[in-house]
């Protein structure tokens, strides 16, 4: 049987995950702070660290790659072109029910390109 604090802890983790989703999809990983996550989740700043070691752990728990990587593992093809086509198709199929993740991926790609083009 779960105690009230265990249920609250599970709810807090879920609230953090939802806040992360909303913020990362609209602002990206680099544009979001732990303080913003806590504020959006309606919790104290330190409570985020009760449930996660840091922003990267929250990101990894939430990120679409958790759904894409298993799909990529099942991709196949007789040559490189068929494999790439299959992998792309598997990825799209895995994400078709999560169009918000495509926005996140484009935000992060833009940030990655910006950092690598201008800060080398």
Protein backbone atom coordinates (compact mmCIF):
# COMPACT_ATOMS: atom_id res chain seq x y z
CA UNK A 1 0.00 0.00 0.00
CA UNK A 2 1.34 3.44 -0.93
CA UNK A 3 1.53 6.14 1.67
CA UNK A 4 0.28 9.64 0.92
CA UNK A 5 3.86 10.94 0.61
CA UNK A 6 4.71 8.18 -1.90
CA UNK A 7 1.66 9.10 -3.97
CA UNK A 8 2.58 12.79 -3.69
CA UNK A 9 6.14 11.98 -4.75
CA UNK A 10 4.84 10.16 -7.82
CA UNK A 11 2.58 13.11 -8.59
CA UNK A 12 5.47 15.54 -8.15
CA UNK A 13 7.62 13.54 -10.56
CA UNK A 14 4.74 13.54 -13.04
CA UNK A 15 4.26 17.31 -12.57
CA UNK A 16 7.98 17.84 -13.22
CA UNK A 17 7.84 15.67 -16.33
CA UNK A 18 4.82 17.60 -17.64
CA UNK A 19 6.53 20.93 -16.93
CA UNK A 20 9.67 19.70 -18.70
CA UNK A 21 7.61 18.63 -21.69
CA UNK A 22 5.89 22.00 -21.97
CA UNK A 23 9.05 24.03 -21.48
CA UNK A 24 11.42 21.95 -23.59
CA UNK A 25 8.98 21.76 -26.50
CA UNK A 26 8.48 25.52 -26.47
CA UNK A 27 11.99 26.69 -25.44
CA UNK A 28 14.30 23.72 -25.95
CA UNK A 29 16.70 22.15 -23.48
CA UNK A 30 19.22 24.96 -23.46
CA UNK A 31 16.53 27.62 -23.12
CA UNK A 32 15.03 26.05 -19.99
CA UNK A 33 16.36 26.31 -16.45
CA UNK A 34 15.71 24.13 -13.40
CA UNK A 35 14.16 27.20 -11.78
CA UNK A 36 11.66 27.48 -14.66
CA UNK A 37 10.87 23.76 -14.39
CA UNK A 38 10.17 24.06 -10.66
CA UNK A 39 8.05 27.17 -11.16
CA UNK A 40 6.01 25.56 -13.96
CA UNK A 41 5.52 22.39 -11.87
CA UNK A 42 4.45 24.50 -8.88
CA UNK A 43 7.13 23.09 -6.59
CA UNK A 44 10.15 24.40 -4.70
CA UNK A 45 13.40 24.67 -6.66
CA UNK A 46 15.13 21.95 -4.58
CA UNK A 47 12.26 19.50 -5.08
CA UNK A 48 13.37 18.92 -8.66
CA UNK A 49 16.62 17.54 -7.25
CA UNK A 50 14.67 15.22 -4.94
CA UNK A 51 13.37 13.41 -8.01
CA UNK A 52 16.16 13.94 -10.55
CA UNK A 53 19.92 14.51 -10.29
CA UNK A 54 19.72 17.47 -12.65
CA UNK A 55 18.35 18.86 -15.88
CA UNK A 56 20.11 16.28 -18.03
CA UNK A 57 18.51 13.38 -16.14
CA UNK A 58 15.07 15.00 -16.51
CA UNK A 59 15.77 15.49 -20.21
CA UNK A 60 16.83 11.88 -20.72
CA UNK A 61 13.78 10.56 -18.87
CA UNK A 62 11.49 12.62 -21.09
CA UNK A 63 13.30 12.79 -24.44
CA UNK A 64 11.81 11.33 -27.63
CA UNK A 65 14.94 9.26 -28.16
CA UNK A 66 13.47 6.91 -25.56
CA UNK A 67 10.88 6.05 -28.22
CA UNK A 68 13.07 6.43 -31.31
CA UNK A 69 16.02 4.24 -30.31
CA UNK A 70 13.97 1.05 -29.90
CA UNK A 71 12.40 1.76 -33.29
CA UNK A 72 15.81 2.23 -34.89
CA UNK A 73 17.04 -1.07 -33.51
CA UNK A 74 14.33 -2.84 -35.53
CA UNK A 75 15.28 -1.10 -38.78
CA UNK A 76 16.74 -3.30 -41.48
CA UNK A 77 17.80 -3.17 -45.11
CA UNK A 78 19.87 -5.03 -47.67
CA UNK A 79 22.04 -1.98 -48.26
CA UNK A 80 22.75 1.38 -46.62
CA UNK A 81 20.01 3.21 -48.53
CA UNK A 82 17.34 0.68 -47.55
CA UNK A 83 18.54 0.72 -43.95
CA UNK A 84 18.39 4.53 -43.76
CA UNK A 85 14.95 4.58 -45.36
CA UNK A 86 13.76 1.89 -42.95
CA UNK A 87 15.23 3.68 -39.94
CA UNK A 88 13.61 6.96 -40.98
CA UNK A 89 10.27 5.23 -41.50
CA UNK A 90 10.52 3.48 -38.11
CA UNK A 91 11.33 6.81 -36.43
CA UNK A 92 8.38 8.58 -38.03
CA UNK A 93 6.07 5.74 -37.08
CA UNK A 94 7.29 5.88 -33.47
CA UNK A 95 6.75 9.64 -33.32
CA UNK A 96 3.52 10.02 -35.28
CA UNK A 97 1.52 10.06 -32.04
CA UNK A 98 3.92 12.68 -30.58
CA UNK A 99 4.22 15.58 -33.08
CA UNK A 100 5.41 17.85 -30.26
CA UNK A 101 8.66 15.90 -30.16
CA UNK A 102 9.46 16.94 -33.72
CA UNK A 103 9.34 20.55 -32.53
CA UNK A 104 11.74 19.71 -29.71
CA UNK A 105 14.12 17.96 -32.08
CA UNK A 106 14.18 20.95 -34.43
CA UNK A 107 14.75 23.38 -31.53
CA UNK A 108 17.66 21.29 -30.30
CA UNK A 109 19.08 20.86 -33.80
CA UNK A 110 18.98 24.62 -34.28
CA UNK A 111 20.72 25.18 -30.94
CA UNK A 112 23.34 22.55 -31.76
CA UNK A 113 24.04 24.07 -35.17
CA UNK A 114 24.23 27.57 -33.69
CA UNK A 115 26.68 26.50 -31.00
CA UNK A 116 28.87 24.62 -33.47
CA UNK A 117 28.84 27.24 -36.19
CA UNK A 118 29.46 30.34 -34.10
CA UNK A 119 31.44 29.12 -31.10
CA UNK A 120 34.20 27.01 -32.61
